[in-house]
Amino acid sequence: MNTLFEKIKQAIKDDFYDVAERQKQANPISLLNQYLRESEAEVKKAAKLIERQKLLRDEFYKEWQHVDKMAEKRKEQGEIALKAGAEDLSEIALREQAEYEERAERLKLAYNNSVNQLEELEYKYREMKLKLKDMHMKRLELMGQENVVLMKNKMNRVLKETEFGIPAENMESVGKLFEREEKKANDEYEISIFDARIQQLAKEMNKQDTGELRDNS
């Protein structure tokens, strides 16, 4: 029994939260708040991507400079070996120089690409932040509109209702009801006064009749 009761209670609670969530989602400001939270999360992700891209750019540049220096070093070593008559060492130096130069060219291209990609990311990031600011401004505008709508609705209710909470259009029928009740009370009062006066007259006439009987006797 307890288990069944708990299930019923939980089902009612779930239904309540489901209705509350649907009402919340139907609210434009709630929807905008949700979109703002999601957009803020995306902006944070973009900021992290930019930091990673900067690290990648710096790593490409560092490796490119290192390989470029190694190519220059092998070039100088090859020239020294050639002058010294060590052709085998000169050939090794020239071969490695060519390899380093090729790697340096690839790294230079990768570095330039990373710079361009970083510029594009930073441009998109600035756009995202501006869009986010616009959304915050839109949220404030919607909140202001919501306040105006709520206030107007409250004012309309006040204008349409009396202090008793009766709609103004029903006031006429309520007034007529009061008039009928007042007339009924007045009629009942007049009837009571009429009955009292008749009773008084009857008593006075009875006294007169009794007095006359005594005088005759």
N, C-alpha and C. Protein backbone atom coordinates (compact mmCIF):
# COMPACT_ATOMS: atom_id res chain seq x y z
N MET A 1 0.84 -1.21 0.00
CA MET A 1 0.00 0.00 0.00
C MET A 1 0.87 1.25 0.00
N ASN A 2 1.91 1.23 0.88
CA ASN A 2 2.81 2.38 0.94
C ASN A 2 3.52 2.60 -0.38
N THR A 3 3.93 1.49 -0.99
CA THR A 3 4.63 1.58 -2.28
C THR A 3 3.72 2.18 -3.34
N LEU A 4 2.48 1.73 -3.38
CA LEU A 4 1.52 2.26 -4.34
C LEU A 4 1.27 3.74 -4.10
N PHE A 5 1.14 4.09 -2.82
CA PHE A 5 0.91 5.50 -2.48
C PHE A 5 2.09 6.36 -2.90
N GLU A 6 3.31 5.88 -2.68
CA GLU A 6 4.50 6.62 -3.08
C GLU A 6 4.57 6.79 -4.58
N LYS A 7 4.16 5.74 -5.33
CA LYS A 7 4.16 5.83 -6.79
C LYS A 7 3.17 6.88 -7.27
N ILE A 8 1.99 6.88 -6.65
CA ILE A 8 0.97 7.86 -7.03
C ILE A 8 1.46 9.27 -6.72
N LYS A 9 2.05 9.43 -5.55
CA LYS A 9 2.55 10.74 -5.13
C LYS A 9 3.67 11.22 -6.07
N GLN A 10 4.55 10.30 -6.45
CA GLN A 10 5.64 10.64 -7.36
C GLN A 10 5.11 11.00 -8.74
N ALA A 11 4.08 10.27 -9.19
CA ALA A 11 3.49 10.56 -10.51
C ALA A 11 2.86 11.95 -10.52
N ILE A 12 2.18 12.30 -9.43
CA ILE A 12 1.58 13.63 -9.33
C ILE A 12 2.68 14.70 -9.33
N LYS A 13 3.74 14.42 -8.60
CA LYS A 13 4.85 15.38 -8.53
C LYS A 13 5.50 15.55 -9.90
N ASP A 14 5.68 14.43 -10.62
CA ASP A 14 6.27 14.50 -11.97
C ASP A 14 5.39 15.30 -12.90
N ASP A 15 4.09 15.07 -12.82
CA ASP A 15 3.16 15.83 -13.66
C ASP A 15 3.24 17.31 -13.36
N PHE A 16 3.35 17.64 -12.07
CA PHE A 16 3.43 19.04 -11.66
C PHE A 16 4.69 19.70 -12.23
N TYR A 17 5.81 19.01 -12.09
CA TYR A 17 7.06 19.56 -12.60
C TYR A 17 7.04 19.65 -14.12
N ASP A 18 6.38 18.68 -14.76
CA ASP A 18 6.28 18.70 -16.22
C ASP A 18 5.48 19.91 -16.69
N VAL A 19 4.36 20.18 -16.02
CA VAL A 19 3.54 21.35 -16.36
C VAL A 19 4.32 22.63 -16.09
N ALA A 20 4.99 22.68 -14.94
CA ALA A 20 5.77 23.88 -14.59
C ALA A 20 6.88 24.11 -15.61
N GLU A 21 7.51 23.03 -16.06
CA GLU A 21 8.60 23.16 -17.03
C GLU A 21 8.07 23.64 -18.37
N ARG A 22 6.89 23.12 -18.78
CA ARG A 22 6.30 23.57 -20.05
C ARG A 22 5.93 25.04 -19.99
N GLN A 23 5.39 25.47 -18.84
CA GLN A 23 5.05 26.89 -18.69
C GLN A 23 6.31 27.74 -18.72
N LYS A 24 7.36 27.24 -18.10
CA LYS A 24 8.62 27.97 -18.08
C LYS A 24 9.19 28.11 -19.49
N GLN A 25 9.11 26.99 -20.25
CA GLN A 25 9.64 27.01 -21.62
C GLN A 25 8.81 27.90 -22.53
N ALA A 26 7.53 28.04 -22.20
CA ALA A 26 6.67 28.88 -23.03
C ALA A 26 6.93 30.36 -22.81
N ASN A 27 7.62 30.68 -21.71
CA ASN A 27 7.93 32.08 -21.41
C ASN A 27 9.09 32.54 -22.30
N PRO A 28 8.90 33.60 -23.09
CA PRO A 28 9.98 34.06 -23.99
C PRO A 28 11.26 34.40 -23.24
N ILE A 29 11.15 35.01 -22.06
CA ILE A 29 12.34 35.38 -21.30
C ILE A 29 13.07 34.13 -20.82
N SER A 30 12.32 33.10 -20.40
CA SER A 30 12.95 31.85 -19.98
C SER A 30 13.69 31.20 -21.14
N LEU A 31 13.07 31.24 -22.32
CA LEU A 31 13.73 30.69 -23.51
C LEU A 31 15.00 31.48 -23.83
N LEU A 32 14.92 32.80 -23.71
CA LEU A 32 16.08 33.63 -24.00
C LEU A 32 17.18 33.39 -22.97
N ASN A 33 16.81 33.23 -21.70
CA ASN A 33 17.79 32.95 -20.65
C ASN A 33 18.52 31.64 -20.93
N GLN A 34 17.75 30.63 -21.36
CA GLN A 34 18.36 29.35 -21.70
C GLN A 34 19.33 29.51 -22.89
N TYR A 35 18.91 30.25 -23.90
CA TYR A 35 19.77 30.48 -25.06
C TYR A 35 21.01 31.28 -24.68
N LEU A 36 20.84 32.23 -23.75
CA LEU A 36 21.98 33.01 -23.27
C LEU A 36 22.99 32.12 -22.57
N ARG A 37 22.49 31.22 -21.72
CA ARG A 37 23.41 30.31 -21.01
C ARG A 37 24.17 29.44 -21.99
N GLU A 38 23.47 28.94 -23.01
CA GLU A 38 24.12 28.10 -24.01
C GLU A 38 25.14 28.91 -24.82
N SER A 39 24.80 30.15 -25.14
CA SER A 39 25.71 31.01 -25.92
C SER A 39 26.94 31.38 -25.09
N GLU A 40 26.74 31.66 -23.81
CA GLU A 40 27.87 31.98 -22.93
C GLU A 40 28.82 30.80 -22.84
N ALA A 41 28.26 29.58 -22.80
CA ALA A 41 29.10 28.38 -22.77
C ALA A 41 29.89 28.25 -24.06
N GLU A 42 29.26 28.57 -25.19
CA GLU A 42 29.96 28.51 -26.48
C GLU A 42 31.06 29.56 -26.57
N VAL A 43 30.81 30.74 -26.01
CA VAL A 43 31.83 31.79 -26.00
C VAL A 43 33.04 31.35 -25.18
N LYS A 44 32.79 30.69 -24.06
CA LYS A 44 33.90 30.19 -23.23
C LYS A 44 34.70 29.13 -23.99
N LYS A 45 33.98 28.26 -24.71
CA LYS A 45 34.67 27.25 -25.52
C LYS A 45 35.54 27.91 -26.59
N ALA A 46 34.99 28.96 -27.21
CA ALA A 46 35.74 29.67 -28.25
C ALA A 46 37.00 30.31 -27.68
N ALA A 47 36.90 30.85 -26.46
CA ALA A 47 38.07 31.46 -25.82
C ALA A 47 39.16 30.41 -25.57
N LYS A 48 38.75 29.21 -25.17
CA LYS A 48 39.73 28.14 -24.96
C LYS A 48 40.36 27.70 -26.27
N LEU A 49 39.55 27.65 -27.34
CA LEU A 49 40.10 27.28 -28.65
C LEU A 49 41.13 28.30 -29.12
N ILE A 50 40.88 29.57 -28.84
CA ILE A 50 41.82 30.62 -29.24
C ILE A 50 43.14 30.46 -28.49
N GLU A 51 43.05 30.14 -27.20
CA GLU A 51 44.28 29.92 -26.42
C GLU A 51 45.06 28.73 -26.97
N ARG A 52 44.35 27.67 -27.32
CA ARG A 52 45.02 26.50 -27.90
C ARG A 52 45.65 26.84 -29.25
N GLN A 53 44.95 27.65 -30.04
CA GLN A 53 45.48 28.04 -31.34
C GLN A 53 46.73 28.90 -31.19
N LYS A 54 46.76 29.76 -30.18
CA LYS A 54 47.95 30.57 -29.92
C LYS A 54 49.15 29.70 -29.55
N LEU A 55 48.89 28.68 -28.72
CA LEU A 55 49.96 27.75 -28.35
C LEU A 55 50.47 26.99 -29.56
N LEU A 56 49.52 26.58 -30.42
CA LEU A 56 49.90 25.86 -31.64
C LEU A 56 50.71 26.76 -32.57
N ARG A 57 50.28 28.01 -32.73
CA ARG A 57 51.01 28.97 -33.56
C ARG A 57 52.43 29.17 -33.04
N ASP A 58 52.55 29.34 -31.74
CA ASP A 58 53.88 29.56 -31.14
C ASP A 58 54.76 28.34 -31.30
N GLU A 59 54.15 27.14 -31.20
CA GLU A 59 54.93 25.90 -31.35
C GLU A 59 55.42 25.75 -32.80
N PHE A 60 54.56 26.06 -33.77
CA PHE A 60 54.97 26.01 -35.17
C PHE A 60 56.13 26.98 -35.42
N TYR A 61 56.00 28.19 -34.87
CA TYR A 61 57.03 29.21 -35.08
C TYR A 61 58.36 28.77 -34.47
N LYS A 62 58.28 28.25 -33.25
CA LYS A 62 59.49 27.80 -32.55
C LYS A 62 60.18 26.68 -33.33
N GLU A 63 59.41 25.69 -33.78
CA GLU A 63 59.99 24.57 -34.52
C GLU A 63 60.52 25.03 -35.88
N TRP A 64 59.81 25.93 -36.52
CA TRP A 64 60.25 26.46 -37.82
C TRP A 64 61.59 27.17 -37.69
N GLN A 65 61.74 28.01 -36.69
CA GLN A 65 62.99 28.73 -36.48
C GLN A 65 64.14 27.77 -36.17
N HIS A 66 63.81 26.74 -35.36
CA HIS A 66 64.85 25.76 -35.02
C HIS A 66 65.33 25.02 -36.27
N VAL A 67 64.38 24.54 -37.10
CA VAL A 67 64.74 23.79 -38.30
C VAL A 67 65.45 24.69 -39.31
N ASP A 68 65.01 25.94 -39.40
CA ASP A 68 65.64 26.89 -40.31
C ASP A 68 67.10 27.14 -39.91
N LYS A 69 67.34 27.23 -38.62
CA LYS A 69 68.71 27.42 -38.13
C LYS A 69 69.56 26.18 -38.40
N MET A 70 68.95 24.99 -38.24
CA MET A 70 69.67 23.74 -38.52
C MET A 70 70.04 23.65 -40.00
N ALA A 71 69.14 24.12 -40.88
CA ALA A 71 69.44 24.12 -42.32
C ALA A 71 70.61 25.05 -42.61
N GLU A 72 70.59 26.22 -41.98
CA GLU A 72 71.69 27.17 -42.16
C GLU A 72 73.00 26.60 -41.62
N LYS A 73 72.89 25.89 -40.47
CA LYS A 73 74.08 25.29 -39.85
C LYS A 73 74.68 24.21 -40.76
N ARG A 74 73.80 23.34 -41.32
CA ARG A 74 74.30 22.29 -42.22
C ARG A 74 74.90 22.90 -43.49
N LYS A 75 74.36 24.00 -43.94
CA LYS A 75 74.90 24.67 -45.11
C LYS A 75 76.33 25.13 -44.84
N GLU A 76 76.55 25.77 -43.70
CA GLU A 76 77.87 26.24 -43.31
C GLU A 76 78.83 25.06 -43.13
N GLN A 77 78.34 23.98 -42.48
CA GLN A 77 79.18 22.81 -42.28
C GLN A 77 79.57 22.15 -43.61
N GLY A 78 78.63 22.13 -44.54
CA GLY A 78 78.92 21.54 -45.86
C GLY A 78 80.00 22.34 -46.58
N GLU A 79 79.93 23.67 -46.48
CA GLU A 79 80.92 24.52 -47.13
C GLU A 79 82.30 24.30 -46.51
N ILE A 80 82.31 24.16 -45.17
CA ILE A 80 83.59 23.91 -44.48
C ILE A 80 84.18 22.57 -44.93
N ALA A 81 83.31 21.53 -44.96
CA ALA A 81 83.77 20.19 -45.35
C ALA A 81 84.26 20.19 -46.79
N LEU A 82 83.59 20.93 -47.67
CA LEU A 82 83.99 20.98 -49.08
C LEU A 82 85.35 21.65 -49.23
N LYS A 83 85.55 22.74 -48.49
CA LYS A 83 86.83 23.44 -48.54
C LYS A 83 87.96 22.56 -48.00
N ALA A 84 87.60 21.71 -46.99
CA ALA A 84 88.61 20.84 -46.38
C ALA A 84 88.85 19.58 -47.21
N GLY A 85 88.10 19.41 -48.25
CA GLY A 85 88.27 18.24 -49.10
C GLY A 85 87.54 17.01 -48.60
N ALA A 86 86.73 17.18 -47.58
CA ALA A 86 85.97 16.04 -47.05
C ALA A 86 84.61 15.99 -47.77
N GLU A 87 84.69 15.42 -48.98
CA GLU A 87 83.48 15.43 -49.81
C GLU A 87 82.34 14.60 -49.23
N ASP A 88 82.70 13.47 -48.52
CA ASP A 88 81.65 12.64 -47.93
C ASP A 88 80.87 13.40 -46.87
N LEU A 89 81.63 14.17 -46.04
CA LEU A 89 80.95 14.97 -45.01
C LEU A 89 80.16 16.11 -45.65
N SER A 90 80.70 16.64 -46.72
CA SER A 90 80.01 17.72 -47.42
C SER A 90 78.69 17.22 -48.01
N GLU A 91 78.70 16.00 -48.58
CA GLU A 91 77.47 15.44 -49.13
C GLU A 91 76.42 15.21 -48.05
N ILE A 92 76.87 14.70 -46.89
CA ILE A 92 75.93 14.47 -45.77
C ILE A 92 75.32 15.79 -45.32
N ALA A 93 76.18 16.80 -45.20
CA ALA A 93 75.73 18.11 -44.75
C ALA A 93 74.73 18.70 -45.75
N LEU A 94 75.02 18.57 -47.05
CA LEU A 94 74.12 19.11 -48.07
C LEU A 94 72.77 18.37 -48.09
N ARG A 95 72.82 17.03 -47.88
CA ARG A 95 71.59 16.24 -47.86
C ARG A 95 70.71 16.65 -46.66
N GLU A 96 71.34 16.76 -45.51
CA GLU A 96 70.57 17.16 -44.32
C GLU A 96 70.10 18.61 -44.45
N GLN A 97 70.91 19.45 -45.09
CA GLN A 97 70.49 20.84 -45.32
C GLN A 97 69.21 20.88 -46.15
N ALA A 98 69.14 20.05 -47.17
CA ALA A 98 67.96 20.00 -48.03
C ALA A 98 66.74 19.50 -47.24
N GLU A 99 66.96 18.50 -46.40
CA GLU A 99 65.86 17.96 -45.58
C GLU A 99 65.34 19.02 -44.61
N TYR A 100 66.30 19.72 -43.96
CA TYR A 100 65.89 20.77 -43.02
C TYR A 100 65.16 21.91 -43.73
N GLU A 101 65.64 22.25 -44.91
CA GLU A 101 65.00 23.33 -45.67
C GLU A 101 63.57 22.95 -46.07
N GLU A 102 63.39 21.67 -46.44
CA GLU A 102 62.06 21.20 -46.79
C GLU A 102 61.13 21.24 -45.56
N ARG A 103 61.65 20.75 -44.45
CA ARG A 103 60.86 20.79 -43.21
C ARG A 103 60.56 22.22 -42.80
N ALA A 104 61.55 23.09 -42.95
CA ALA A 104 61.35 24.49 -42.59
C ALA A 104 60.26 25.13 -43.44
N GLU A 105 60.22 24.74 -44.73
CA GLU A 105 59.20 25.29 -45.62
C GLU A 105 57.81 24.82 -45.19
N ARG A 106 57.71 23.53 -44.83
CA ARG A 106 56.41 23.01 -44.37
C ARG A 106 55.98 23.68 -43.06
N LEU A 107 56.94 23.84 -42.16
CA LEU A 107 56.63 24.47 -40.87
C LEU A 107 56.25 25.94 -41.05
N LYS A 108 56.92 26.61 -41.99
CA LYS A 108 56.58 28.00 -42.27
C LYS A 108 55.14 28.11 -42.78
N LEU A 109 54.77 27.18 -43.68
CA LEU A 109 53.41 27.17 -44.21
C LEU A 109 52.40 26.88 -43.10
N ALA A 110 52.74 25.91 -42.22
CA ALA A 110 51.84 25.57 -41.11
C ALA A 110 51.71 26.75 -40.15
N TYR A 111 52.82 27.46 -39.94
CA TYR A 111 52.78 28.63 -39.07
C TYR A 111 51.88 29.72 -39.66
N ASN A 112 52.05 30.00 -40.94
CA ASN A 112 51.21 31.02 -41.59
C ASN A 112 49.73 30.65 -41.56
N ASN A 113 49.46 29.34 -41.77
CA ASN A 113 48.07 28.88 -41.70
C ASN A 113 47.51 29.06 -40.29
N SER A 114 48.32 28.75 -39.29
CA SER A 114 47.86 28.89 -37.90
C SER A 114 47.60 30.35 -37.56
N VAL A 115 48.41 31.26 -38.12
CA VAL A 115 48.19 32.71 -37.90
C VAL A 115 46.86 33.14 -38.51
N ASN A 116 46.63 32.71 -39.75
CA ASN A 116 45.36 33.05 -40.42
C ASN A 116 44.16 32.46 -39.68
N GLN A 117 44.30 31.20 -39.24
CA GLN A 117 43.22 30.56 -38.50
C GLN A 117 42.95 31.28 -37.18
N LEU A 118 44.02 31.73 -36.54
CA LEU A 118 43.87 32.45 -35.28
C LEU A 118 43.15 33.77 -35.49
N GLU A 119 43.50 34.47 -36.57
CA GLU A 119 42.82 35.73 -36.87
C GLU A 119 41.33 35.50 -37.12
N GLU A 120 41.02 34.41 -37.83
CA GLU A 120 39.61 34.10 -38.10
C GLU A 120 38.86 33.75 -36.82
N LEU A 121 39.52 32.96 -35.96
CA LEU A 121 38.90 32.60 -34.68
C LEU A 121 38.67 33.83 -33.81
N GLU A 122 39.66 34.73 -33.77
CA GLU A 122 39.52 35.94 -32.95
C GLU A 122 38.41 36.84 -33.49
N TYR A 123 38.28 36.88 -34.81
CA TYR A 123 37.21 37.68 -35.42
C TYR A 123 35.84 37.10 -35.05
N LYS A 124 35.71 35.78 -35.16
CA LYS A 124 34.45 35.13 -34.80
C LYS A 124 34.16 35.30 -33.31
N TYR A 125 35.22 35.25 -32.52
CA TYR A 125 35.06 35.39 -31.06
C TYR A 125 34.54 36.78 -30.72
N ARG A 126 35.07 37.80 -31.39
CA ARG A 126 34.58 39.16 -31.16
C ARG A 126 33.11 39.29 -31.58
N GLU A 127 32.77 38.66 -32.71
CA GLU A 127 31.37 38.67 -33.16
C GLU A 127 30.46 38.00 -32.14
N MET A 128 30.91 36.88 -31.61
CA MET A 128 30.11 36.15 -30.62
C MET A 128 29.88 36.99 -29.37
N LYS A 129 30.93 37.68 -28.92
CA LYS A 129 30.78 38.52 -27.72
C LYS A 129 29.84 39.69 -27.97
N LEU A 130 29.92 40.28 -29.17
CA LEU A 130 29.00 41.37 -29.50
C LEU A 130 27.57 40.86 -29.58
N LYS A 131 27.41 39.66 -30.17
CA LYS A 131 26.07 39.07 -30.25
C LYS A 131 25.53 38.78 -28.87
N LEU A 132 26.40 38.35 -27.98
CA LEU A 132 25.99 38.05 -26.61
C LEU A 132 25.54 39.32 -25.89
N LYS A 133 26.26 40.42 -26.13
CA LYS A 133 25.86 41.70 -25.53
C LYS A 133 24.49 42.14 -26.06
N ASP A 134 24.30 41.95 -27.37
CA ASP A 134 22.99 42.28 -27.96
C ASP A 134 21.88 41.46 -27.34
N MET A 135 22.16 40.19 -27.08
CA MET A 135 21.16 39.31 -26.47
C MET A 135 20.85 39.74 -25.04
N HIS A 136 21.87 40.18 -24.32
CA HIS A 136 21.63 40.69 -22.96
C HIS A 136 20.75 41.94 -23.01
N MET A 137 21.03 42.81 -23.98
CA MET A 137 20.20 44.01 -24.14
C MET A 137 18.77 43.62 -24.50
N LYS A 138 18.63 42.64 -25.39
CA LYS A 138 17.30 42.17 -25.78
C LYS A 138 16.56 41.60 -24.58
N ARG A 139 17.30 40.91 -23.73
CA ARG A 139 16.70 40.34 -22.51
C ARG A 139 16.17 41.44 -21.61
N LEU A 140 16.94 42.51 -21.46
CA LEU A 140 16.49 43.64 -20.65
C LEU A 140 15.25 44.29 -21.26
N GLU A 141 15.24 44.41 -22.60
CA GLU A 141 14.07 44.99 -23.27
C GLU A 141 12.83 44.13 -23.04
N LEU A 142 13.00 42.80 -23.16
CA LEU A 142 11.87 41.89 -22.94
C LEU A 142 11.38 41.95 -21.51
N MET A 143 12.31 42.07 -20.57
CA MET A 143 11.92 42.18 -19.16
C MET A 143 11.11 43.45 -18.94
N GLY A 144 11.54 44.55 -19.60
CA GLY A 144 10.79 45.79 -19.49
C GLY A 144 9.40 45.65 -20.09
N GLN A 145 9.31 44.98 -21.25
CA GLN A 145 8.01 44.76 -21.88
C GLN A 145 7.13 43.88 -21.00
N GLU A 146 7.75 42.87 -20.38
CA GLU A 146 6.98 41.98 -19.49
C GLU A 146 6.43 42.76 -18.30
N ASN A 147 7.26 43.64 -17.74
CA ASN A 147 6.80 44.45 -16.61
C ASN A 147 5.62 45.33 -17.00
N VAL A 148 5.69 45.91 -18.20
CA VAL A 148 4.60 46.77 -18.66
C VAL A 148 3.32 45.96 -18.84
N VAL A 149 3.45 44.76 -19.45
CA VAL A 149 2.27 43.91 -19.67
C VAL A 149 1.65 43.50 -18.35
N LEU A 150 2.50 43.09 -17.39
CA LEU A 150 1.98 42.68 -16.08
C LEU A 150 1.28 43.84 -15.39
N MET A 151 1.90 45.02 -15.46
CA MET A 151 1.30 46.19 -14.81
C MET A 151 -0.02 46.55 -15.47
N LYS A 152 -0.07 46.51 -16.80
CA LYS A 152 -1.31 46.83 -17.50
C LYS A 152 -2.42 45.84 -17.15
N ASN A 153 -2.04 44.56 -17.06
CA ASN A 153 -3.03 43.55 -16.69
C ASN A 153 -3.58 43.80 -15.29
N LYS A 154 -2.69 44.15 -14.37
CA LYS A 154 -3.14 44.45 -13.01
C LYS A 154 -4.02 45.68 -12.99
N MET A 155 -3.63 46.70 -13.73
CA MET A 155 -4.43 47.93 -13.78
C MET A 155 -5.79 47.66 -14.39
N ASN A 156 -5.83 46.82 -15.44
CA ASN A 156 -7.11 46.50 -16.07
C ASN A 156 -8.02 45.76 -15.09
N ARG A 157 -7.42 44.85 -14.30
CA ARG A 157 -8.24 44.15 -13.32
C ARG A 157 -8.79 45.10 -12.28
N VAL A 158 -7.93 46.06 -11.86
CA VAL A 158 -8.38 47.04 -10.87
C VAL A 158 -9.50 47.90 -11.44
N LEU A 159 -9.35 48.31 -12.69
CA LEU A 159 -10.36 49.16 -13.32
C LEU A 159 -11.66 48.40 -13.57
N LYS A 160 -11.57 47.10 -13.80
CA LYS A 160 -12.76 46.32 -14.11
C LYS A 160 -13.46 45.79 -12.87
N GLU A 161 -12.78 45.82 -11.72
CA GLU A 161 -13.35 45.24 -10.53
C GLU A 161 -13.52 46.28 -9.43
N THR A 162 -14.51 46.04 -8.54
CA THR A 162 -14.71 46.92 -7.37
C THR A 162 -13.83 46.42 -6.25
N GLU A 163 -13.93 47.10 -5.13
CA GLU A 163 -13.13 46.68 -3.98
C GLU A 163 -13.57 45.32 -3.45
N PHE A 164 -14.78 44.87 -3.85
CA PHE A 164 -15.27 43.56 -3.44
C PHE A 164 -14.87 42.46 -4.43
N GLY A 165 -14.17 42.86 -5.49
CA GLY A 165 -13.76 41.88 -6.48
C GLY A 165 -14.85 41.55 -7.47
N ILE A 166 -15.88 42.40 -7.54
CA ILE A 166 -16.99 42.16 -8.47
C ILE A 166 -16.72 42.90 -9.77
N PRO A 167 -16.80 42.24 -10.90
CA PRO A 167 -16.57 42.92 -12.18
C PRO A 167 -17.51 44.10 -12.36
N ALA A 168 -16.99 45.16 -12.99
CA ALA A 168 -17.76 46.39 -13.13
C ALA A 168 -19.03 46.16 -13.94
N GLU A 169 -18.96 45.26 -14.95
CA GLU A 169 -20.15 45.04 -15.77
C GLU A 169 -21.27 44.37 -14.98
N ASN A 170 -20.94 43.75 -13.83
CA ASN A 170 -21.97 43.12 -13.00
C ASN A 170 -22.47 44.03 -11.89
N MET A 171 -21.85 45.21 -11.79
CA MET A 171 -22.24 46.12 -10.71
C MET A 171 -23.70 46.54 -10.82
N GLU A 172 -24.20 46.72 -12.06
CA GLU A 172 -25.59 47.17 -12.24
C GLU A 172 -26.55 46.14 -11.68
N SER A 173 -26.31 44.85 -12.00
CA SER A 173 -27.19 43.80 -11.48
C SER A 173 -27.08 43.69 -9.97
N VAL A 174 -25.86 43.89 -9.45
CA VAL A 174 -25.68 43.86 -7.99
C VAL A 174 -26.42 45.03 -7.35
N GLY A 175 -26.36 46.20 -8.01
CA GLY A 175 -27.07 47.38 -7.49
C GLY A 175 -28.57 47.14 -7.45
N LYS A 176 -29.09 46.52 -8.50
CA LYS A 176 -30.52 46.22 -8.54
C LYS A 176 -30.89 45.24 -7.43
N LEU A 177 -29.97 44.29 -7.19
CA LEU A 177 -30.22 43.34 -6.10
C LEU A 177 -30.31 44.05 -4.76
N PHE A 178 -29.38 44.98 -4.55
CA PHE A 178 -29.42 45.77 -3.31
C PHE A 178 -30.72 46.59 -3.22
N GLU A 179 -31.14 47.16 -4.35
CA GLU A 179 -32.38 47.95 -4.36
C GLU A 179 -33.58 47.09 -3.97
N ARG A 180 -33.61 45.86 -4.54
CA ARG A 180 -34.72 44.97 -4.20
C ARG A 180 -34.70 44.61 -2.72
N GLU A 181 -33.52 44.34 -2.21
CA GLU A 181 -33.41 44.00 -0.80
C GLU A 181 -33.82 45.19 0.09
N GLU A 182 -33.38 46.38 -0.36
CA GLU A 182 -33.74 47.57 0.42
C GLU A 182 -35.24 47.79 0.39
N LYS A 183 -35.89 47.63 -0.78
CA LYS A 183 -37.35 47.80 -0.89
C LYS A 183 -38.07 46.76 -0.04
N LYS A 184 -37.56 45.52 -0.08
CA LYS A 184 -38.16 44.47 0.72
C LYS A 184 -38.09 44.79 2.20
N ALA A 185 -36.93 45.32 2.62
CA ALA A 185 -36.78 45.69 4.03
C ALA A 185 -37.71 46.83 4.39
N ASN A 186 -37.82 47.81 3.49
CA ASN A 186 -38.72 48.95 3.76
C ASN A 186 -40.16 48.48 3.83
N ASP A 187 -40.57 47.58 2.91
CA ASP A 187 -41.94 47.07 2.93
C ASP A 187 -42.22 46.32 4.22
N GLU A 188 -41.24 45.49 4.62
CA GLU A 188 -41.43 44.75 5.87
C GLU A 188 -41.52 45.69 7.06
N TYR A 189 -40.73 46.76 7.02
CA TYR A 189 -40.78 47.75 8.11
C TYR A 189 -42.14 48.44 8.14
N GLU A 190 -42.63 48.85 6.95
CA GLU A 190 -43.93 49.53 6.90
C GLU A 190 -45.05 48.61 7.35
N ILE A 191 -44.96 47.33 6.96
CA ILE A 191 -45.98 46.37 7.40
C ILE A 191 -45.95 46.22 8.92
N SER A 192 -44.74 46.18 9.46
CA SER A 192 -44.63 46.05 10.92
C SER A 192 -45.23 47.27 11.62
N ILE A 193 -44.94 48.46 11.08
CA ILE A 193 -45.51 49.69 11.65
C ILE A 193 -47.03 49.69 11.52
N PHE A 194 -47.52 49.25 10.33
CA PHE A 194 -48.97 49.19 10.10
C PHE A 194 -49.64 48.26 11.11
N ASP A 195 -49.05 47.07 11.29
CA ASP A 195 -49.61 46.10 12.24
C ASP A 195 -49.60 46.67 13.66
N ALA A 196 -48.51 47.35 14.00
CA ALA A 196 -48.41 47.90 15.36
C ALA A 196 -49.47 48.98 15.58
N ARG A 197 -49.68 49.83 14.58
CA ARG A 197 -50.67 50.90 14.74
C ARG A 197 -52.08 50.33 14.83
N ILE A 198 -52.40 49.33 14.00
CA ILE A 198 -53.72 48.69 14.06
C ILE A 198 -53.95 48.07 15.43
N GLN A 199 -52.89 47.39 15.92
CA GLN A 199 -53.01 46.80 17.26
C GLN A 199 -53.25 47.87 18.32
N GLN A 200 -52.57 48.99 18.20
CA GLN A 200 -52.74 50.09 19.15
C GLN A 200 -54.16 50.65 19.08
N LEU A 201 -54.63 50.85 17.83
CA LEU A 201 -56.00 51.36 17.66
C LEU A 201 -57.02 50.39 18.26
N ALA A 202 -56.78 49.08 18.04
CA ALA A 202 -57.69 48.07 18.57
C ALA A 202 -57.71 48.12 20.09
N LYS A 203 -56.55 48.32 20.71
CA LYS A 203 -56.50 48.40 22.17
C LYS A 203 -57.25 49.62 22.67
N GLU A 204 -57.06 50.75 21.99
CA GLU A 204 -57.72 51.98 22.42
C GLU A 204 -59.23 51.85 22.27
N MET A 205 -59.67 51.25 21.16
CA MET A 205 -61.11 51.06 20.96
C MET A 205 -61.67 50.09 22.00
N ASN A 206 -60.91 49.10 22.35
CA ASN A 206 -61.34 48.15 23.37
C ASN A 206 -61.49 48.82 24.71
N LYS A 207 -60.56 49.73 25.02
CA LYS A 207 -60.64 50.45 26.29
C LYS A 207 -61.89 51.34 26.32
N GLN A 208 -62.15 52.01 25.20
CA GLN A 208 -63.33 52.87 25.13
C GLN A 208 -64.62 52.07 25.32
N ASP A 209 -64.69 50.92 24.64
CA ASP A 209 -65.88 50.07 24.77
C ASP A 209 -66.06 49.60 26.20
N THR A 210 -64.99 49.26 26.87
CA THR A 210 -65.04 48.79 28.26
C THR A 210 -65.51 49.91 29.18
N GLY A 211 -65.05 51.14 28.91
CA GLY A 211 -65.43 52.29 29.73
C GLY A 211 -66.90 52.62 29.58
N GLU A 212 -67.39 52.55 28.38
CA GLU A 212 -68.79 52.85 28.15
C GLU A 212 -69.69 51.83 28.83
N LEU A 213 -69.31 50.58 28.81
CA LEU A 213 -70.08 49.52 29.48
C LEU A 213 -70.15 49.77 30.99
N ARG A 214 -69.06 50.24 31.55
CA ARG A 214 -69.06 50.52 32.97
C ARG A 214 -69.97 51.70 33.30
N ASP A 215 -69.93 52.71 32.44
CA ASP A 215 -70.77 53.90 32.69
C ASP A 215 -72.25 53.53 32.60
N ASN A 216 -72.63 52.70 31.70
CA ASN A 216 -74.03 52.32 31.52
C ASN A 216 -74.51 51.45 32.66
N SER A 217 -73.59 50.65 33.23
CA SER A 217 -73.99 49.80 34.33
C SER A 217 -74.07 50.60 35.61
